[in-house]
Structures are given as C-alpha cells and as structure tokens.
N, C-alpha and C. Protein backbone atom coordinates (compact mmCIF):
# COMPACT_ATOMS: atom_id res chain seq x y z
N MET A 1 47.53 -8.51 -5.35
CA MET A 1 46.51 -8.10 -5.18
C MET A 1 45.20 -8.75 -5.67
N SER A 2 44.22 -9.27 -5.39
CA SER A 2 43.32 -10.49 -5.10
C SER A 2 42.01 -10.05 -5.33
N TYR A 3 41.16 -10.80 -5.91
CA TYR A 3 39.58 -10.28 -6.48
C TYR A 3 38.62 -10.87 -5.38
N ILE A 4 38.15 -10.29 -4.70
CA ILE A 4 36.73 -10.11 -3.82
C ILE A 4 35.26 -10.66 -4.57
N ARG A 5 35.01 -11.95 -4.74
CA ARG A 5 34.35 -12.31 -5.94
C ARG A 5 32.79 -11.88 -4.65
N THR A 6 31.49 -10.96 -5.35
CA THR A 6 30.34 -10.39 -4.75
C THR A 6 29.26 -11.37 -5.25
N LEU A 7 28.33 -11.34 -4.78
CA LEU A 7 26.95 -11.82 -5.55
C LEU A 7 26.45 -11.02 -6.19
N LYS A 8 25.83 -11.76 -7.77
CA LYS A 8 25.06 -10.30 -8.16
C LYS A 8 24.17 -9.96 -7.55
N ARG A 9 23.41 -10.28 -6.93
CA ARG A 9 22.03 -9.42 -6.64
C ARG A 9 22.65 -8.59 -5.10
N ILE A 10 24.03 -8.72 -4.58
CA ILE A 10 24.49 -7.03 -4.04
C ILE A 10 25.16 -6.05 -5.04
N ARG A 11 25.71 -6.74 -5.71
CA ARG A 11 25.93 -5.74 -7.24
C ARG A 11 25.11 -4.99 -7.76
N THR A 12 24.06 -5.80 -7.81
CA THR A 12 23.66 -4.72 -8.61
C THR A 12 22.38 -4.24 -7.66
N ASN A 13 22.41 -3.95 -6.35
CA ASN A 13 21.65 -3.35 -5.07
C ASN A 13 20.31 -3.82 -4.87
N LYS A 14 20.49 -5.26 -5.26
CA LYS A 14 18.61 -6.07 -5.06
C LYS A 14 18.29 -6.70 -3.96
N THR A 15 19.45 -6.93 -3.14
CA THR A 15 18.83 -7.82 -2.16
C THR A 15 20.00 -7.97 -0.62
N ASN A 16 19.49 -7.52 0.43
CA ASN A 16 20.37 -6.80 1.30
C ASN A 16 19.91 -8.45 2.30
N TYR A 17 21.37 -9.00 2.08
CA TYR A 17 21.17 -10.31 2.98
C TYR A 17 21.32 -10.05 4.12
N ARG A 18 21.70 -9.10 4.80
CA ARG A 18 21.45 -9.02 6.73
C ARG A 18 20.30 -9.51 7.12
N LYS A 19 18.97 -8.35 6.15
CA LYS A 19 17.65 -8.67 6.90
C LYS A 19 17.30 -9.64 6.08
N ARG A 20 17.42 -10.27 4.96
CA ARG A 20 16.71 -11.65 4.16
C ARG A 20 17.36 -12.64 5.54
N LYS A 21 18.26 -12.78 6.39
CA LYS A 21 19.03 -13.55 7.25
C LYS A 21 18.04 -13.68 8.22
N ALA A 22 17.98 -12.35 8.94
CA ALA A 22 17.08 -12.42 10.24
C ALA A 22 15.41 -12.91 9.68
N VAL A 23 15.40 -12.38 8.47
CA VAL A 23 13.78 -13.19 7.97
C VAL A 23 13.41 -14.29 8.09
N LEU A 24 14.13 -14.84 7.47
CA LEU A 24 14.18 -16.69 7.63
C LEU A 24 15.02 -17.00 8.43
N ILE A 25 15.58 -16.60 9.68
CA ILE A 25 15.35 -17.52 10.99
C ILE A 25 14.40 -17.01 11.84
N GLY A 26 13.60 -16.12 11.67
CA GLY A 26 12.41 -15.27 12.41
C GLY A 26 11.27 -16.63 12.39
N ARG A 27 11.55 -17.13 10.63
CA ARG A 27 9.96 -17.93 10.28
C ARG A 27 8.77 -17.10 10.30
N ARG A 28 9.05 -15.97 10.15
CA ARG A 28 7.23 -15.57 9.85
C ARG A 28 7.25 -15.06 8.69
N ASN A 29 5.86 -15.09 7.98
CA ASN A 29 5.49 -14.53 6.94
C ASN A 29 5.44 -13.54 7.10
N PHE A 30 6.08 -12.61 6.05
CA PHE A 30 6.58 -10.76 5.68
C PHE A 30 5.32 -10.72 4.77
N ILE A 31 5.14 -9.31 4.78
CA ILE A 31 4.62 -8.71 3.64
C ILE A 31 5.71 -7.60 2.95
N THR A 32 5.70 -7.62 1.66
CA THR A 32 6.45 -6.55 0.80
C THR A 32 5.30 -5.42 0.23
N ILE A 33 6.12 -4.41 0.21
CA ILE A 33 5.14 -3.13 -0.47
C ILE A 33 6.04 -2.35 -1.72
N LYS A 34 5.82 -2.77 -2.57
CA LYS A 34 6.71 -1.91 -4.10
C LYS A 34 5.84 -1.17 -4.30
N THR A 35 5.87 0.32 -4.34
CA THR A 35 4.95 1.34 -5.70
C THR A 35 6.10 1.63 -6.74
N SER A 36 5.20 1.91 -7.77
CA SER A 36 5.79 2.14 -8.66
C SER A 36 5.19 3.91 -9.11
N ASN A 37 5.17 4.62 -10.67
CA ASN A 37 4.84 5.72 -10.75
C ASN A 37 2.94 5.63 -10.76
N GLU A 38 2.63 3.88 -10.96
CA GLU A 38 1.11 4.55 -11.46
C GLU A 38 0.53 3.28 -10.71
N HIS A 39 1.28 2.35 -9.57
CA HIS A 39 0.33 1.54 -8.72
C HIS A 39 0.95 0.76 -7.60
N ILE A 40 0.21 0.87 -6.67
CA ILE A 40 0.80 0.21 -5.43
C ILE A 40 0.75 -1.50 -5.26
N HIS A 41 1.64 -2.42 -5.03
CA HIS A 41 1.58 -3.73 -5.33
C HIS A 41 2.16 -4.32 -3.52
N CYS A 42 1.02 -4.84 -3.34
CA CYS A 42 1.42 -5.25 -1.65
C CYS A 42 1.28 -7.38 -1.94
N GLN A 43 2.46 -8.12 -1.43
CA GLN A 43 2.23 -9.28 -0.82
C GLN A 43 2.51 -10.18 0.42
N LEU A 44 1.80 -10.71 0.68
CA LEU A 44 2.37 -11.69 1.72
C LEU A 44 3.22 -12.98 1.55
N ILE A 45 4.04 -13.05 1.74
CA ILE A 45 5.14 -14.36 1.41
C ILE A 45 5.55 -15.06 2.68
N LYS A 46 5.64 -16.40 2.40
CA LYS A 46 5.93 -17.05 3.39
C LYS A 46 7.36 -17.40 3.24
N PRO A 47 8.65 -17.04 3.94
CA PRO A 47 10.05 -17.65 3.77
C PRO A 47 9.97 -18.73 3.42
N GLY A 48 11.06 -19.24 2.91
CA GLY A 48 11.58 -20.50 3.23
C GLY A 48 13.16 -20.67 2.28
N LEU A 49 13.86 -22.35 2.76
CA LEU A 49 14.91 -21.80 2.46
C LEU A 49 15.71 -22.10 0.64
N ARG A 50 14.37 -22.56 0.23
CA ARG A 50 14.26 -23.03 -1.27
C ARG A 50 13.73 -22.09 -1.85
N GLY A 51 12.94 -21.06 -1.88
CA GLY A 51 12.53 -20.18 -2.66
C GLY A 51 11.23 -20.00 -1.16
N ASP A 52 10.49 -18.62 -1.78
CA ASP A 52 9.54 -17.74 -1.09
C ASP A 52 8.31 -18.25 -1.77
N THR A 53 7.20 -18.20 -0.67
CA THR A 53 6.30 -18.84 -1.43
C THR A 53 5.02 -17.24 -1.46
N VAL A 54 4.29 -16.83 -2.56
CA VAL A 54 3.27 -15.64 -2.19
C VAL A 54 2.01 -16.49 -1.59
N LEU A 55 1.51 -16.09 -0.59
CA LEU A 55 0.48 -16.46 -0.06
C LEU A 55 -0.96 -15.57 -0.49
N ASN A 56 -0.67 -14.34 -0.19
CA ASN A 56 -1.51 -13.51 -0.99
C ASN A 56 -1.14 -12.44 -1.64
N PHE A 57 -1.71 -11.80 -2.56
CA PHE A 57 -1.54 -10.65 -3.58
C PHE A 57 -2.61 -9.58 -3.36
N SER A 58 -1.91 -8.49 -3.65
CA SER A 58 -3.35 -7.19 -3.30
C SER A 58 -2.62 -5.87 -4.45
N ASN A 59 -2.93 -5.34 -5.63
CA ASN A 59 -2.36 -4.10 -6.16
C ASN A 59 -3.49 -3.18 -6.10
N SER A 60 -2.86 -2.18 -6.52
CA SER A 60 -4.10 -1.29 -6.79
C SER A 60 -5.14 -1.16 -7.82
N LYS A 61 -4.66 -1.80 -8.84
CA LYS A 61 -5.62 -2.18 -10.20
C LYS A 61 -6.90 -3.07 -9.62
N GLU A 62 -6.78 -3.25 -8.35
CA GLU A 62 -8.10 -4.14 -7.97
C GLU A 62 -8.96 -3.52 -7.35
N LEU A 63 -8.37 -2.06 -6.79
CA LEU A 63 -9.43 -1.49 -6.60
C LEU A 63 -10.64 -1.00 -7.09
N ALA A 64 -10.41 -1.06 -8.69
CA ALA A 64 -11.32 -0.72 -10.09
C ALA A 64 -12.42 -1.73 -9.74
N LYS A 65 -12.29 -3.17 -8.83
CA LYS A 65 -13.40 -3.67 -8.86
C LYS A 65 -14.32 -3.24 -7.83
N TYR A 66 -13.83 -2.59 -6.87
CA TYR A 66 -14.86 -2.06 -5.99
C TYR A 66 -15.48 -0.80 -6.03
N GLY A 67 -15.07 0.22 -7.39
CA GLY A 67 -15.52 1.19 -7.96
C GLY A 67 -15.07 2.45 -7.20
N TRP A 68 -13.50 2.00 -7.39
CA TRP A 68 -12.20 3.15 -7.08
C TRP A 68 -12.22 4.49 -8.09
N LYS A 69 -12.27 5.25 -8.18
CA LYS A 69 -12.87 6.12 -9.20
C LYS A 69 -11.18 7.25 -9.35
N GLY A 70 -10.60 7.31 -7.73
CA GLY A 70 -9.58 7.52 -7.66
C GLY A 70 -8.18 7.40 -8.30
N SER A 71 -7.19 8.20 -7.59
CA SER A 71 -5.93 8.06 -8.22
C SER A 71 -5.56 6.84 -7.65
N SER A 72 -4.68 5.93 -8.45
CA SER A 72 -3.98 4.43 -8.06
C SER A 72 -2.77 4.50 -7.46
N ASN A 73 -2.01 5.30 -6.94
CA ASN A 73 -0.51 5.74 -6.57
C ASN A 73 -0.80 7.14 -5.07
N ASN A 74 -1.66 7.25 -4.34
CA ASN A 74 -1.48 8.13 -3.72
C ASN A 74 -1.60 7.25 -2.21
N LEU A 75 -1.70 8.04 -0.98
CA LEU A 75 -1.99 7.59 0.10
C LEU A 75 -3.49 6.82 0.59
N SER A 76 -4.37 7.72 -0.35
CA SER A 76 -5.70 6.57 0.04
C SER A 76 -5.52 5.45 -0.78
N ALA A 77 -4.79 5.29 -1.93
CA ALA A 77 -5.39 3.70 -2.89
C ALA A 77 -4.14 2.96 -1.70
N SER A 78 -3.03 3.20 -1.27
CA SER A 78 -2.29 2.74 -0.53
C SER A 78 -2.66 2.05 0.71
N PHE A 79 -3.46 2.93 1.25
CA PHE A 79 -4.40 2.51 2.35
C PHE A 79 -5.30 1.39 1.74
N LEU A 80 -5.75 1.42 1.08
CA LEU A 80 -6.80 0.66 0.71
C LEU A 80 -6.30 -0.78 -0.15
N VAL A 81 -5.35 -0.50 -0.52
CA VAL A 81 -4.35 -2.04 -0.96
C VAL A 81 -4.30 -2.68 0.37
N GLY A 82 -3.69 -1.77 1.30
CA GLY A 82 -3.49 -2.59 2.46
C GLY A 82 -4.66 -3.30 3.42
N LEU A 83 -5.73 -2.47 3.46
CA LEU A 83 -7.15 -2.97 3.55
C LEU A 83 -7.49 -4.26 3.12
N LEU A 84 -7.26 -4.26 1.60
CA LEU A 84 -7.51 -5.48 0.99
C LEU A 84 -6.98 -6.39 1.21
N ILE A 85 -5.72 -6.29 1.21
CA ILE A 85 -4.49 -7.53 1.87
C ILE A 85 -4.69 -8.51 3.04
N GLY A 86 -5.14 -7.12 3.78
CA GLY A 86 -5.04 -7.78 5.22
C GLY A 86 -6.59 -8.08 5.45
N ARG A 87 -8.05 -8.39 4.44
CA ARG A 87 -8.63 -8.95 4.59
C ARG A 87 -8.38 -10.39 3.90
N LYS A 88 -8.04 -9.90 3.15
CA LYS A 88 -7.60 -11.57 1.92
C LYS A 88 -6.66 -12.45 3.40
N MET A 89 -5.71 -11.80 3.96
CA MET A 89 -4.87 -12.35 4.75
C MET A 89 -5.84 -13.19 5.51
N LEU A 90 -6.88 -12.49 6.73
CA LEU A 90 -7.73 -13.12 7.24
C LEU A 90 -8.76 -14.21 7.19
N GLY A 91 -8.96 -13.68 5.62
CA GLY A 91 -10.02 -14.98 4.87
C GLY A 91 -8.96 -16.08 5.12
N LYS A 92 -7.66 -16.30 5.00
CA LYS A 92 -7.03 -17.70 4.54
C LYS A 92 -6.18 -18.10 6.07
N ASN A 93 -6.78 -17.25 7.49
CA ASN A 93 -5.85 -17.39 8.75
C ASN A 93 -4.64 -16.75 9.12
N ASN A 94 -4.53 -16.19 7.87
CA ASN A 94 -2.79 -15.43 8.20
C ASN A 94 -3.28 -14.08 8.94
N ASN A 95 -3.27 -14.45 10.41
CA ASN A 95 -3.25 -13.34 11.30
C ASN A 95 -2.08 -12.28 11.73
N SER A 96 -0.93 -12.61 11.14
CA SER A 96 0.15 -12.05 11.22
C SER A 96 1.31 -11.52 10.53
N ALA A 97 2.08 -11.10 9.98
CA ALA A 97 3.04 -10.85 9.76
C ALA A 97 4.26 -9.77 10.24
N ILE A 98 5.30 -9.53 9.57
CA ILE A 98 5.66 -8.36 9.57
C ILE A 98 6.75 -7.90 8.36
N LEU A 99 7.11 -6.31 8.32
CA LEU A 99 7.41 -5.89 7.08
C LEU A 99 8.21 -6.12 6.87
N TYR A 100 8.95 -6.64 5.81
CA TYR A 100 10.38 -6.67 4.76
C TYR A 100 10.60 -5.87 3.64
N THR A 101 11.20 -4.74 4.23
CA THR A 101 11.67 -3.47 2.73
C THR A 101 12.97 -3.97 1.95
N GLY A 102 13.68 -4.98 2.48
CA GLY A 102 14.86 -5.27 1.95
C GLY A 102 15.69 -4.01 1.15
N LYS A 103 15.97 -3.35 0.16
CA LYS A 103 16.40 -2.54 -0.18
C LYS A 103 15.62 -1.09 -0.41
N THR A 104 14.62 -1.28 -0.72
CA THR A 104 13.64 -0.19 -0.08
C THR A 104 13.22 0.68 0.96
N THR A 105 13.00 2.39 0.84
CA THR A 105 12.78 2.74 1.85
C THR A 105 11.87 2.93 2.32
N PHE A 106 11.60 3.29 3.73
CA PHE A 106 9.98 3.27 4.15
C PHE A 106 9.63 5.10 3.75
N THR A 107 8.60 4.37 3.19
CA THR A 107 8.24 5.91 2.96
C THR A 107 6.55 6.17 3.37
N SER A 108 5.68 7.26 3.08
CA SER A 108 4.55 7.57 3.78
C SER A 108 3.78 6.52 2.85
N LYS A 109 3.80 6.24 1.78
CA LYS A 109 2.84 5.14 1.07
C LYS A 109 3.08 3.77 1.50
N VAL A 110 4.19 3.44 2.04
CA VAL A 110 4.41 2.24 2.46
C VAL A 110 3.72 2.29 4.07
N ALA A 111 3.91 3.75 4.99
CA ALA A 111 3.18 3.32 5.87
C ALA A 111 1.59 3.34 5.85
N ALA A 112 1.11 4.09 5.01
CA ALA A 112 -0.42 4.21 4.77
C ALA A 112 -1.03 2.99 4.49
N CYS A 113 0.24 2.04 3.92
CA CYS A 113 -0.16 0.57 3.48
C CYS A 113 -0.58 -0.39 4.85
N LEU A 114 0.51 -0.18 5.25
CA LEU A 114 0.68 -0.63 7.06
C LEU A 114 -0.39 -0.46 7.75
N LYS A 115 -0.71 0.51 7.71
CA LYS A 115 -2.10 1.47 8.42
C LYS A 115 -3.26 0.45 8.09
N GLY A 116 -3.70 0.03 6.72
CA GLY A 116 -4.47 -0.46 6.19
C GLY A 116 -4.51 -2.11 6.73
N VAL A 117 -2.90 -2.64 6.40
CA VAL A 117 -3.25 -3.66 6.85
C VAL A 117 -3.42 -4.19 8.48
N SER A 118 -3.03 -2.83 9.16
CA SER A 118 -3.34 -3.43 11.00
C SER A 118 -5.04 -2.71 10.67
N SER A 119 -5.36 -1.76 10.15
CA SER A 119 -7.09 -1.64 10.80
C SER A 119 -8.07 -2.90 10.09
N ALA A 120 -7.65 -4.12 9.12
CA ALA A 120 -8.05 -4.63 8.52
C ALA A 120 -8.11 -5.89 9.81
N GLY A 121 -7.26 -6.26 10.78
CA GLY A 121 -7.29 -6.40 12.08
C GLY A 121 -6.02 -7.48 12.18
N VAL A 122 -5.01 -7.36 11.46
CA VAL A 122 -3.41 -8.33 11.20
C VAL A 122 -2.72 -7.25 12.18
N GLU A 123 -2.28 -8.45 13.09
CA GLU A 123 -1.56 -8.13 14.04
C GLU A 123 0.04 -7.66 13.13
N ILE A 124 0.47 -6.60 13.39
CA ILE A 124 1.89 -6.72 12.74
C ILE A 124 2.41 -5.41 13.21
N PRO A 125 3.98 -5.76 13.86
CA PRO A 125 4.75 -4.53 14.57
C PRO A 125 4.87 -3.39 13.96
N LEU A 126 4.61 -2.32 14.51
CA LEU A 126 4.06 -0.83 13.91
C LEU A 126 4.20 0.15 14.75
N SER A 127 4.85 1.28 14.68
CA SER A 127 4.89 2.43 15.53
C SER A 127 3.75 3.36 14.94
N GLU A 128 3.00 3.68 15.76
CA GLU A 128 1.96 4.86 15.55
C GLU A 128 2.26 6.39 15.34
N ASP A 129 3.52 6.60 16.07
CA ASP A 129 4.49 8.05 15.35
C ASP A 129 4.56 7.94 13.89
N SER A 130 4.88 6.51 13.26
CA SER A 130 5.50 6.58 11.90
C SER A 130 4.73 6.72 10.74
N LEU A 131 2.71 6.56 11.21
CA LEU A 131 2.36 6.74 10.19
C LEU A 131 1.44 7.66 9.54
N PRO A 132 0.87 7.94 8.73
CA PRO A 132 0.19 9.09 8.48
C PRO A 132 -0.99 9.76 8.96
N ASP A 133 -1.37 10.66 9.04
CA ASP A 133 -2.88 11.60 9.56
C ASP A 133 -3.86 10.88 8.78
N ASP A 134 -5.24 10.41 9.60
CA ASP A 134 -6.32 10.13 9.01
C ASP A 134 -6.73 11.10 8.35
N ASN A 135 -6.21 12.24 7.95
CA ASN A 135 -7.11 13.61 6.85
C ASN A 135 -5.77 13.38 5.63
N ARG A 136 -4.50 12.76 5.85
CA ARG A 136 -3.97 12.79 4.87
C ARG A 136 -4.58 11.34 3.51
N ILE A 137 -4.92 10.49 4.69
CA ILE A 137 -5.28 9.02 4.21
C ILE A 137 -6.54 9.13 3.17
N ASN A 138 -7.46 9.80 4.08
CA ASN A 138 -8.77 9.98 3.43
C ASN A 138 -8.64 11.18 2.98
N ALA A 139 -7.90 11.52 1.83
CA ALA A 139 -7.80 13.09 1.09
C ALA A 139 -8.27 14.37 1.84
N THR A 140 -8.86 14.42 2.62
CA THR A 140 -9.66 15.79 3.01
C THR A 140 -8.85 17.14 2.53
N HIS A 141 -7.31 17.07 2.20
CA HIS A 141 -6.39 18.26 2.11
C HIS A 141 -6.61 18.07 0.41
N VAL A 142 -6.93 17.08 0.03
CA VAL A 142 -7.37 17.20 -1.53
C VAL A 142 -8.24 18.04 -1.78
N SER A 143 -9.51 17.19 -1.03
CA SER A 143 -10.96 18.19 -0.91
C SER A 143 -11.02 19.96 -0.77
N GLN A 144 -9.92 20.01 0.29
CA GLN A 144 -9.97 21.35 0.69
C GLN A 144 -8.94 22.25 -0.20
N TYR A 145 -8.21 21.55 -0.56
CA TYR A 145 -7.30 22.49 -1.86
C TYR A 145 -8.23 22.60 -3.29
N ALA A 146 -8.66 21.55 -3.81
CA ALA A 146 -9.84 21.43 -4.95
C ALA A 146 -11.37 22.95 -4.66
N ALA A 147 -11.43 22.71 -3.60
CA ALA A 147 -12.07 23.87 -2.88
C ALA A 147 -11.98 25.24 -3.30
N ALA A 148 -10.67 25.59 -2.80
CA ALA A 148 -9.91 26.29 -3.03
C ALA A 148 -9.32 27.06 -4.36
N LEU A 149 -9.44 26.16 -5.20
CA LEU A 149 -9.21 26.17 -6.12
C LEU A 149 -9.96 26.45 -7.59
N LYS A 150 -11.40 25.63 -7.02
CA LYS A 150 -12.63 25.88 -7.79
C LYS A 150 -12.80 27.24 -8.45
N LYS A 151 -12.28 28.36 -7.83
CA LYS A 151 -12.55 29.87 -8.35
C LYS A 151 -11.67 30.25 -9.76
N GLU A 152 -10.44 29.51 -10.11
CA GLU A 152 -9.65 29.57 -10.74
C GLU A 152 -9.75 27.85 -11.97
N LYS A 153 -10.68 28.34 -12.68
CA LYS A 153 -11.70 26.98 -13.23
C LYS A 153 -10.58 26.29 -14.64
N GLY A 154 -9.75 26.96 -15.14
CA GLY A 154 -8.58 26.47 -16.16
C GLY A 154 -7.88 25.83 -15.31
N LEU A 155 -7.61 25.98 -14.07
CA LEU A 155 -6.14 25.57 -13.41
C LEU A 155 -6.87 24.40 -12.65
N TYR A 156 -8.35 24.43 -12.03
CA TYR A 156 -8.64 23.50 -11.46
C TYR A 156 -9.09 22.33 -12.16
N GLU A 157 -9.63 22.33 -13.67
CA GLU A 157 -9.69 21.55 -14.51
C GLU A 157 -8.20 20.81 -15.02
N LYS A 158 -7.24 21.65 -15.06
CA LYS A 158 -5.97 21.02 -14.93
C LYS A 158 -5.25 20.18 -13.89
N ARG A 159 -5.78 20.34 -12.90
CA ARG A 159 -4.77 19.91 -11.62
C ARG A 159 -5.70 18.47 -11.44
N PHE A 160 -7.22 18.31 -11.48
CA PHE A 160 -7.90 17.41 -10.78
C PHE A 160 -8.62 16.61 -12.28
N SER A 161 -8.09 16.66 -13.52
CA SER A 161 -8.64 16.43 -15.20
C SER A 161 -8.66 14.64 -14.93
N LYS A 162 -7.90 13.93 -14.22
CA LYS A 162 -8.13 12.58 -14.13
C LYS A 162 -9.38 11.94 -13.61
N LEU A 163 -9.37 12.24 -11.79
CA LEU A 163 -10.82 12.33 -11.08
C LEU A 163 -11.99 12.89 -12.43
N LEU A 164 -12.01 14.29 -12.54
CA LEU A 164 -12.89 14.81 -13.44
C LEU A 164 -13.56 14.10 -14.83
N ASN A 165 -12.40 13.10 -15.16
CA ASN A 165 -13.02 12.35 -16.48
C ASN A 165 -13.31 10.72 -15.95
N ASN A 166 -12.69 10.45 -14.51
CA ASN A 166 -13.82 9.98 -13.90
C ASN A 166 -14.92 9.73 -13.45
N ASN A 167 -15.19 10.91 -13.58
CA ASN A 167 -16.53 11.76 -12.82
C ASN A 167 -16.53 11.47 -11.66
N LEU A 168 -15.68 11.91 -10.76
CA LEU A 168 -15.57 11.69 -9.61
C LEU A 168 -15.00 13.77 -8.97
N ASP A 169 -16.07 13.83 -8.10
CA ASP A 169 -15.93 15.60 -7.95
C ASP A 169 -14.58 15.54 -6.96
N PRO A 170 -13.35 16.55 -6.98
CA PRO A 170 -12.37 16.29 -6.29
C PRO A 170 -13.12 16.44 -4.82
N GLU A 171 -13.74 17.32 -4.38
CA GLU A 171 -14.40 18.00 -3.39
C GLU A 171 -14.92 16.86 -2.79
N ASP A 172 -15.99 15.83 -3.07
CA ASP A 172 -16.41 14.33 -2.35
C ASP A 172 -15.03 13.29 -2.58
N TYR A 173 -14.32 13.32 -2.84
CA TYR A 173 -12.40 12.75 -2.18
C TYR A 173 -13.08 11.88 -1.24
N PRO A 174 -13.18 12.42 0.07
CA PRO A 174 -13.23 12.07 1.42
C PRO A 174 -14.57 11.22 1.28
N LYS A 175 -15.63 11.19 0.83
CA LYS A 175 -16.41 10.81 0.70
C LYS A 175 -16.67 9.24 0.00
N HIS A 176 -15.62 9.66 -0.89
CA HIS A 176 -15.75 8.27 -1.99
C HIS A 176 -14.77 7.49 -1.36
N PHE A 177 -13.60 8.06 -0.77
CA PHE A 177 -12.83 7.25 -0.06
C PHE A 177 -13.68 6.27 1.19
N GLU A 178 -14.15 6.95 2.57
CA GLU A 178 -15.53 5.93 3.08
C GLU A 178 -15.99 5.17 2.31
N GLU A 179 -16.82 4.91 1.34
CA GLU A 179 -17.66 4.33 0.86
C GLU A 179 -16.66 2.91 0.28
N ILE A 180 -15.53 3.39 -0.39
CA ILE A 180 -14.66 2.29 -0.55
C ILE A 180 -14.11 1.25 0.29
N LYS A 181 -13.93 2.35 1.45
CA LYS A 181 -13.28 1.52 2.64
C LYS A 181 -14.61 0.77 3.03
N ASN A 182 -15.50 1.31 3.21
CA ASN A 182 -17.02 0.44 3.95
C ASN A 182 -17.11 -0.73 2.68
N LYS A 183 -17.01 -0.60 1.70
CA LYS A 183 -17.56 -1.59 0.75
C LYS A 183 -16.27 -2.87 0.98
N ILE A 184 -14.69 -3.05 0.98
CA ILE A 184 -14.30 -3.26 0.86
C ILE A 184 -14.41 -4.54 2.79
N LEU A 185 -14.56 -3.44 3.90
CA LEU A 185 -14.65 -4.11 4.77
C LEU A 185 -16.02 -5.17 5.13
N SER A 186 -16.68 -5.12 4.07
CA SER A 186 -18.09 -5.48 4.31
C SER A 186 -18.09 -7.16 3.51
N ILE A 187 -17.29 -7.00 2.33
CA ILE A 187 -16.90 -8.07 1.93
C ILE A 187 -16.64 -9.43 2.47
N ASP A 188 -16.64 -10.51 2.56
CA ASP A 188 -15.92 -11.88 3.38
C ASP A 188 -15.27 -12.46 2.31
N PHE A 189 -13.89 -12.41 2.81
CA PHE A 189 -12.52 -13.09 1.60
C PHE A 189 -12.51 -14.52 2.16
N ASP A 190 -13.61 -15.55 2.02
CA ASP A 190 -13.31 -16.87 2.76
C ASP A 190 -12.72 -17.66 1.43
C-alpha cells in the first residue's frame, strides 16, 4: 500500500489547479467575487507565476461613501460593487478581464456583480441568460413587497428595520439605487 501525497490546498478544498492553470496560460487579468454574510468583495487580479498581483479592489463597505443606505449583501449592492470596480478598472486602462470562480459557485450575486462590471464598459465574456433581471437588481420587488406589507405595521417594521434605521423608505429603494448608480457613473476614476 502506498501513500499519494496531495497538496494542502487541494485537501482543504481551496484551489482548483485545473482552472488555475487555464488562467495562467491565458495571461489575462481576472476578476474574483466573494460574498460573505455581510459584504461583497471584488478584485481585479493579474496572474503571475511567482504570485498574483491585485490591481483593483472594491467592496460593499465603499458604497457608504457614495450615500448607499441599503443592504450591503443583496443583488443591488452586488451590481453597484461591480459597477464601482468596473469604473476603477477603466480609470487605470484595464478594459478587459475574465471571471475566475475557483472553488466557489456561480450565484446570482456573482452574476449581478458581473453585470455591473459589464455596465461600466469593461469587456468581459458572459451570457445574458445567466444574468439577473433588472427588476431584481434595482429592487423593484422589494418596493412592491413593502407596499403590500405596509398595512401590517409590526411586521413591516420588523422586516425593514435596517432600512428604516438608515432613513430609507423601502418603497423608495429603486429610486435610491438609481441615484447611487448615477453618482458612481458620474465620478471620474483617473
């Protein structure tokens, strides 16, 4: 009986070396998107044999600088984080990239972030069929649900307590999203 040694990053399920090899051979910058329980993190990375270099970084904590009062871990925030890193990329003349998921799965939050990057003007290969609908991204469904739930005051205040504490009326969520989106698009990241 013999022992086959596997790398620690394979044993701990952290790295898919087949995907990693394809990224290194392609020699293109790539985007990684990670979601935690509270935030969305997005990086533009330049691969290298001696190690990767982070060229740009954006996360949902940065949205507060632009006046974002909504959740920092929903589809709207994911889109705005993607839009923000896309604008930063164009400011540094990085106008194309690919998505590298590694061991993480492709979720609707990742797709919303990619849609934001693409909306900023960055060339990124993606399928329109895999992207979420605009009504989901701009939170029209949240606004409609809040309007229907407004009759039950206790449940309304419980479900939307964070938005109400941030002085944001849940029915105005799509309008607030458009304001922040336009603010990010108007800033020059040179």
